[in-house]
Amino acid sequence: MAPSRKREREILLSDGEDVTEKYYGVVVSRVRNKIERLDDDPPALDSHVSLGEELREVVCNE
């Protein structure tokens, strides 16, 4: 089962100190895949009244 986002955050913040190097790599890969999927989302989110702007605010800390 995949770790929760909270657990992924904990693993990344601790540089994987409490997990194996292999599992840390799995978590990093999983997060990279999430980032890549975000690349496809803006056009769809921009078609909604506010979702595109909400994404930009979160990602850009505006």
C-alpha atoms as a PDB file:
ATOM      1  CA  MET A   1       0.000   0.000   0.000  1.00  0.00           C
ATOM      2  CA  ALA A   2       1.263   3.489  -0.836  1.00  0.00           C
ATOM      3  CA  PRO A   3       2.200   5.760   2.048  1.00  0.00           C
ATOM      4  CA  SER A   4      -0.013   8.713   2.850  1.00  0.00           C
ATOM      5  CA  ARG A   5       1.014  12.171   1.736  1.00  0.00           C
ATOM      6  CA  LYS A   6       1.743  12.969   5.370  1.00  0.00           C
ATOM      7  CA  ARG A   7       4.113  10.012   5.622  1.00  0.00           C
ATOM      8  CA  GLU A   8       5.752  10.897   2.299  1.00  0.00           C
ATOM      9  CA  ARG A   9       6.370  14.394   3.673  1.00  0.00           C
ATOM     10  CA  GLU A  10       7.896  12.966   6.853  1.00  0.00           C
ATOM     11  CA  ILE A  11      10.203  10.698   4.846  1.00  0.00           C
ATOM     12  CA  LEU A  12      11.326  13.531   2.569  1.00  0.00           C
ATOM     13  CA  LEU A  13      11.861  15.975   5.449  1.00  0.00           C
ATOM     14  CA  SER A  14      14.044  13.469   7.285  1.00  0.00           C
ATOM     15  CA  ASP A  15      15.982  12.599   4.099  1.00  0.00           C
ATOM     16  CA  GLY A  16      14.778   9.048   4.529  1.00  0.00           C
ATOM     17  CA  GLU A  17      16.667   8.483   7.779  1.00  0.00           C
ATOM     18  CA  ASP A  18      14.015   6.088   9.092  1.00  0.00           C
ATOM     19  CA  VAL A  19      13.521   4.015   5.925  1.00  0.00           C
ATOM     20  CA  THR A  20      15.749   1.982   3.641  1.00  0.00           C
ATOM     21  CA  GLU A  21      17.559   3.734   0.823  1.00  0.00           C
ATOM     22  CA  LYS A  22      15.537   1.697  -1.667  1.00  0.00           C
ATOM     23  CA  TYR A  23      12.212   2.739  -0.113  1.00  0.00           C
ATOM     24  CA  TYR A  24      13.338   6.378   0.033  1.00  0.00           C
ATOM     25  CA  GLY A  25      13.994   6.141  -3.707  1.00  0.00           C
ATOM     26  CA  VAL A  26      10.487   4.750  -4.228  1.00  0.00           C
ATOM     27  CA  VAL A  27       8.986   7.695  -2.330  1.00  0.00           C
ATOM     28  CA  VAL A  28      11.066  10.221  -4.296  1.00  0.00           C
ATOM     29  CA  SER A  29       9.994   8.575  -7.559  1.00  0.00           C
ATOM     30  CA  ARG A  30       6.345   8.627  -6.498  1.00  0.00           C
ATOM     31  CA  VAL A  31       6.541  12.353  -5.699  1.00  0.00           C
ATOM     32  CA  ARG A  32       8.272  13.070  -9.026  1.00  0.00           C
ATOM     33  CA  ASN A  33       5.428  11.286 -10.814  1.00  0.00           C
ATOM     34  CA  LYS A  34       2.912  13.497  -8.997  1.00  0.00           C
ATOM     35  CA  ILE A  35       4.830  16.588 -10.115  1.00  0.00           C
ATOM     36  CA  GLU A  36       4.857  15.365 -13.729  1.00  0.00           C
ATOM     37  CA  ARG A  37       1.096  14.765 -13.631  1.00  0.00           C
ATOM     38  CA  LEU A  38       0.603  18.363 -12.507  1.00  0.00           C
ATOM     39  CA  ASP A  39       2.026  19.431 -15.855  1.00  0.00           C
ATOM     40  CA  ASP A  40      -1.101  18.063 -17.562  1.00  0.00           C
ATOM     41  CA  ASP A  41      -3.589  19.635 -15.157  1.00  0.00           C
ATOM     42  CA  PRO A  42      -3.494  23.432 -15.761  1.00  0.00           C
ATOM     43  CA  PRO A  43      -5.456  23.436 -19.047  1.00  0.00           C
ATOM     44  CA  ALA A  44      -8.242  21.367 -17.495  1.00  0.00           C
ATOM     45  CA  LEU A  45      -8.214  23.378 -14.281  1.00  0.00           C
ATOM     46  CA  ASP A  46      -8.232  26.672 -16.204  1.00  0.00           C
ATOM     47  CA  SER A  47     -11.559  25.675 -17.733  1.00  0.00           C
ATOM     48  CA  HIS A  48     -13.060  25.905 -14.223  1.00  0.00           C
ATOM     49  CA  VAL A  49     -13.912  29.275 -12.711  1.00  0.00           C
ATOM     50  CA  SER A  50     -11.279  29.211  -9.950  1.00  0.00           C
ATOM     51  CA  LEU A  51      -9.357  25.918  -9.838  1.00  0.00           C
ATOM     52  CA  GLY A  52      -6.527  27.026 -12.129  1.00  0.00           C
ATOM     53  CA  GLU A  53      -5.894  30.089 -10.008  1.00  0.00           C
ATOM     54  CA  GLU A  54      -6.081  28.042  -6.795  1.00  0.00           C
ATOM     55  CA  LEU A  55      -3.423  25.661  -8.132  1.00  0.00           C
ATOM     56  CA  ARG A  56      -1.139  28.565  -9.039  1.00  0.00           C
ATOM     57  CA  GLU A  57      -1.577  30.134  -5.602  1.00  0.00           C
ATOM     58  CA  VAL A  58      -0.582  26.905  -3.873  1.00  0.00           C
ATOM     59  CA  VAL A  59       2.323  26.076  -6.183  1.00  0.00           C
ATOM     60  CA  CYS A  60       3.676  29.615  -6.447  1.00  0.00           C
ATOM     61  CA  ASN A  61       2.859  30.661  -2.850  1.00  0.00           C
ATOM     62  CA  GLU A  62       1.058  33.750  -4.113  1.00  0.00           C
END
